[in-house]
Structures are given as C-alpha cells and as structure tokens.
Amino acid sequence: MGMPLELNTMIVTKGKEIRLEENLFLLEKEDYRLYPMNIPLEVRRTKEAETSGIATIEKLEWENSKTSITYKLIALNSTN
C-alpha cells in the first residue's frame, strides 16, 4: 500500500487559512501533498475561483496524513 501523494501547483484555501502574521498564513490539508517551495504560486479559495493573490511557501510539514503549509502573501488581487 503506497502513500497517496498529490502535487499541488496552486494554494487552494477553501477559507480554512489561519493568519499568523500580517502576510503569513497557515493552511492544513488532508493527505500528503507536495508543493513547490519558495516560488510564487496562485492563491485561490477554490480551484475554480479567481486568483485572490500570489504567495510563496516558506514551510511544508507532513504529519498524521495531513499537510501543513506556511505561506507568505506577496501580492493581493483587488476584488473591485
């Protein structure tokens, strides 16, 4: 039985992100996911939603079949 691993090329929050500091957020996802580190990625609320901003992932942790990422928002899209 292999460990399921998903490669993600955007950060999909589903509104579950936790603000740690002004531009720093923590997001926990089910299962083990791999994200590119330290390169700009789109942040979206859902896969189909408009991009809400651009972030870089600073930390990635796998534990208990969950993935935690800490990401820094580097650009915010205005929603007017």
N, C-alpha and C. Protein backbone atom coordinates (compact mmCIF):
# COMPACT_ATOMS: atom_id res chain seq x y z
N MET A 1 0.84 -1.19 0.00
CA MET A 1 0.00 0.00 0.00
C MET A 1 0.88 1.24 0.00
N GLY A 2 0.83 2.02 -1.06
CA GLY A 2 1.66 3.21 -1.14
C GLY A 2 1.01 4.40 -0.46
N MET A 3 1.82 5.38 -0.12
CA MET A 3 1.31 6.61 0.46
C MET A 3 0.78 7.49 -0.66
N PRO A 4 -0.51 7.89 -0.63
CA PRO A 4 -1.00 8.77 -1.69
C PRO A 4 -0.32 10.13 -1.59
N LEU A 5 0.14 10.63 -2.71
CA LEU A 5 0.85 11.90 -2.73
C LEU A 5 0.32 12.73 -3.89
N GLU A 6 -0.07 13.95 -3.59
CA GLU A 6 -0.64 14.82 -4.61
C GLU A 6 0.30 16.00 -4.81
N LEU A 7 0.58 16.34 -6.06
CA LEU A 7 1.41 17.51 -6.36
C LEU A 7 0.49 18.69 -6.63
N ASN A 8 0.65 19.75 -5.85
CA ASN A 8 -0.20 20.93 -5.98
C ASN A 8 0.60 22.09 -6.56
N THR A 9 0.04 22.78 -7.54
CA THR A 9 0.74 23.90 -8.15
C THR A 9 0.03 25.22 -7.86
N MET A 10 -0.99 25.17 -7.01
CA MET A 10 -1.61 26.40 -6.50
C MET A 10 -2.05 26.12 -5.07
N ILE A 11 -2.29 27.18 -4.32
CA ILE A 11 -2.74 27.05 -2.93
C ILE A 11 -4.25 27.28 -2.93
N VAL A 12 -5.00 26.23 -2.61
CA VAL A 12 -6.46 26.33 -2.57
C VAL A 12 -6.87 26.33 -1.10
N THR A 13 -7.40 27.44 -0.61
CA THR A 13 -7.60 27.61 0.84
C THR A 13 -8.94 27.09 1.35
N LYS A 14 -9.97 27.11 0.51
CA LYS A 14 -11.35 26.79 0.95
C LYS A 14 -11.72 27.57 2.21
N GLY A 15 -11.12 28.72 2.41
CA GLY A 15 -11.44 29.57 3.55
C GLY A 15 -10.90 29.07 4.88
N LYS A 16 -9.98 28.10 4.85
CA LYS A 16 -9.50 27.47 6.10
C LYS A 16 -8.14 27.98 6.53
N GLU A 17 -7.64 29.01 5.87
CA GLU A 17 -6.32 29.53 6.23
C GLU A 17 -6.38 30.27 7.57
N ILE A 18 -5.30 30.21 8.31
CA ILE A 18 -5.19 30.89 9.60
C ILE A 18 -4.09 31.93 9.47
N ARG A 19 -4.42 33.19 9.81
CA ARG A 19 -3.42 34.27 9.72
C ARG A 19 -2.49 34.19 10.94
N LEU A 20 -1.20 34.07 10.69
CA LEU A 20 -0.21 34.03 11.76
C LEU A 20 0.36 35.42 12.02
N GLU A 21 0.66 36.12 10.94
CA GLU A 21 1.15 37.49 10.99
C GLU A 21 0.48 38.23 9.86
N GLU A 22 0.87 39.48 9.62
CA GLU A 22 0.17 40.28 8.62
C GLU A 22 0.06 39.58 7.26
N ASN A 23 1.18 39.07 6.76
CA ASN A 23 1.17 38.42 5.44
C ASN A 23 1.48 36.93 5.49
N LEU A 24 1.48 36.35 6.68
CA LEU A 24 1.88 34.96 6.86
C LEU A 24 0.67 34.13 7.28
N PHE A 25 0.46 33.00 6.59
CA PHE A 25 -0.72 32.18 6.83
C PHE A 25 -0.34 30.72 7.01
N LEU A 26 -1.16 29.99 7.75
CA LEU A 26 -1.01 28.55 7.93
C LEU A 26 -2.24 27.88 7.33
N LEU A 27 -2.02 26.83 6.57
CA LEU A 27 -3.12 26.08 5.97
C LEU A 27 -2.85 24.59 6.15
N GLU A 28 -3.85 23.87 6.66
CA GLU A 28 -3.72 22.42 6.84
C GLU A 28 -4.64 21.72 5.85
N LYS A 29 -4.11 20.73 5.14
CA LYS A 29 -4.86 19.97 4.14
C LYS A 29 -4.83 18.50 4.50
N GLU A 30 -5.90 17.77 4.14
CA GLU A 30 -5.93 16.33 4.33
C GLU A 30 -4.92 15.66 3.38
N ASP A 31 -4.38 14.54 3.78
CA ASP A 31 -3.45 13.74 2.97
C ASP A 31 -2.09 14.43 2.83
N TYR A 32 -1.20 13.73 2.16
CA TYR A 32 0.14 14.26 1.94
C TYR A 32 0.17 14.95 0.58
N ARG A 33 0.59 16.20 0.59
CA ARG A 33 0.65 16.99 -0.64
C ARG A 33 2.03 17.60 -0.77
N LEU A 34 2.46 17.70 -2.00
CA LEU A 34 3.76 18.29 -2.29
C LEU A 34 3.52 19.63 -2.97
N TYR A 35 4.20 20.65 -2.51
CA TYR A 35 4.10 21.99 -3.10
C TYR A 35 5.50 22.47 -3.45
N PRO A 36 5.65 23.21 -4.54
CA PRO A 36 6.96 23.83 -4.80
C PRO A 36 7.25 24.88 -3.74
N MET A 37 8.47 24.90 -3.25
CA MET A 37 8.85 25.83 -2.19
C MET A 37 9.47 27.10 -2.78
N ASN A 38 9.21 28.22 -2.12
CA ASN A 38 9.89 29.48 -2.42
C ASN A 38 9.75 29.97 -3.86
N ILE A 39 8.68 29.57 -4.55
CA ILE A 39 8.40 30.17 -5.86
C ILE A 39 6.95 30.68 -5.83
N PRO A 40 6.66 31.74 -6.55
CA PRO A 40 5.31 32.33 -6.48
C PRO A 40 4.24 31.36 -7.00
N LEU A 41 3.19 31.18 -6.19
CA LEU A 41 2.06 30.32 -6.54
C LEU A 41 0.77 31.12 -6.40
N GLU A 42 -0.23 30.78 -7.21
CA GLU A 42 -1.53 31.42 -7.09
C GLU A 42 -2.23 30.94 -5.82
N VAL A 43 -2.93 31.86 -5.16
CA VAL A 43 -3.78 31.51 -4.02
C VAL A 43 -5.22 31.68 -4.47
N ARG A 44 -6.03 30.66 -4.28
CA ARG A 44 -7.45 30.71 -4.63
C ARG A 44 -8.26 30.11 -3.51
N ARG A 45 -9.50 30.57 -3.38
CA ARG A 45 -10.40 30.00 -2.36
C ARG A 45 -10.86 28.60 -2.79
N THR A 46 -11.17 28.43 -4.07
CA THR A 46 -11.46 27.11 -4.64
C THR A 46 -10.67 27.01 -5.94
N LYS A 47 -10.57 25.80 -6.49
CA LYS A 47 -9.82 25.61 -7.74
C LYS A 47 -10.37 26.46 -8.87
N GLU A 48 -11.70 26.64 -8.89
CA GLU A 48 -12.34 27.35 -9.99
C GLU A 48 -12.41 28.86 -9.76
N ALA A 49 -12.15 29.31 -8.55
CA ALA A 49 -12.29 30.73 -8.20
C ALA A 49 -11.21 31.58 -8.88
N GLU A 50 -11.45 32.88 -8.89
CA GLU A 50 -10.43 33.82 -9.35
C GLU A 50 -9.24 33.74 -8.39
N THR A 51 -8.07 34.07 -8.90
CA THR A 51 -6.88 34.14 -8.05
C THR A 51 -7.03 35.30 -7.08
N SER A 52 -6.88 35.02 -5.78
CA SER A 52 -7.01 36.10 -4.79
C SER A 52 -5.67 36.74 -4.47
N GLY A 53 -4.58 36.07 -4.83
CA GLY A 53 -3.26 36.63 -4.58
C GLY A 53 -2.17 35.68 -5.01
N ILE A 54 -0.93 36.09 -4.74
CA ILE A 54 0.25 35.29 -5.05
C ILE A 54 1.02 35.11 -3.74
N ALA A 55 1.48 33.88 -3.51
CA ALA A 55 2.20 33.59 -2.26
C ALA A 55 3.39 32.68 -2.53
N THR A 56 4.31 32.68 -1.59
CA THR A 56 5.41 31.71 -1.62
C THR A 56 5.31 30.86 -0.36
N ILE A 57 5.57 29.57 -0.51
CA ILE A 57 5.52 28.66 0.63
C ILE A 57 6.86 28.67 1.34
N GLU A 58 6.81 28.94 2.65
CA GLU A 58 8.02 29.04 3.46
C GLU A 58 8.32 27.75 4.20
N LYS A 59 7.23 27.01 4.55
CA LYS A 59 7.41 25.78 5.33
C LYS A 59 6.37 24.76 4.91
N LEU A 60 6.77 23.50 4.86
CA LEU A 60 5.89 22.39 4.48
C LEU A 60 6.12 21.26 5.48
N GLU A 61 5.04 20.78 6.10
CA GLU A 61 5.18 19.71 7.10
C GLU A 61 4.17 18.60 6.81
N TRP A 62 4.62 17.37 6.94
CA TRP A 62 3.74 16.20 6.81
C TRP A 62 3.66 15.51 8.15
N GLU A 63 2.42 15.25 8.61
CA GLU A 63 2.24 14.54 9.87
C GLU A 63 0.82 14.01 9.94
N ASN A 64 0.66 12.77 10.41
CA ASN A 64 -0.67 12.17 10.63
C ASN A 64 -1.59 12.29 9.41
N SER A 65 -1.07 11.98 8.24
CA SER A 65 -1.85 12.05 6.99
C SER A 65 -2.40 13.45 6.70
N LYS A 66 -1.70 14.46 7.17
CA LYS A 66 -2.07 15.84 6.86
C LYS A 66 -0.84 16.59 6.38
N THR A 67 -1.08 17.62 5.58
CA THR A 67 -0.02 18.50 5.12
C THR A 67 -0.29 19.89 5.68
N SER A 68 0.71 20.49 6.31
CA SER A 68 0.60 21.88 6.78
C SER A 68 1.57 22.72 5.98
N ILE A 69 1.06 23.83 5.44
CA ILE A 69 1.96 24.76 4.75
C ILE A 69 1.86 26.13 5.41
N THR A 70 3.00 26.77 5.51
CA THR A 70 3.05 28.16 5.96
C THR A 70 3.45 28.97 4.74
N TYR A 71 2.60 29.92 4.37
CA TYR A 71 2.89 30.69 3.16
C TYR A 71 2.79 32.18 3.42
N LYS A 72 3.58 32.93 2.62
CA LYS A 72 3.63 34.38 2.72
C LYS A 72 2.96 34.98 1.49
N LEU A 73 1.96 35.81 1.73
CA LEU A 73 1.28 36.51 0.64
C LEU A 73 2.18 37.63 0.14
N ILE A 74 2.53 37.60 -1.13
CA ILE A 74 3.43 38.62 -1.68
C ILE A 74 2.70 39.59 -2.61
N ALA A 75 1.48 39.23 -3.05
CA ALA A 75 0.68 40.13 -3.88
C ALA A 75 -0.78 39.78 -3.66
N LEU A 76 -1.60 40.82 -3.57
CA LEU A 76 -3.03 40.62 -3.34
C LEU A 76 -3.79 41.18 -4.53
N ASN A 77 -4.72 40.41 -5.08
CA ASN A 77 -5.55 40.90 -6.17
C ASN A 77 -6.73 41.65 -5.58
N SER A 78 -6.96 42.87 -6.03
CA SER A 78 -8.11 43.62 -5.53
C SER A 78 -9.37 43.04 -6.16
N THR A 79 -10.46 43.06 -5.43
CA THR A 79 -11.70 42.44 -5.93
C THR A 79 -12.76 43.49 -6.24
N ASN A 80 -12.39 44.56 -6.98
CA ASN A 80 -13.42 45.53 -7.35
C ASN A 80 -13.90 45.32 -8.75
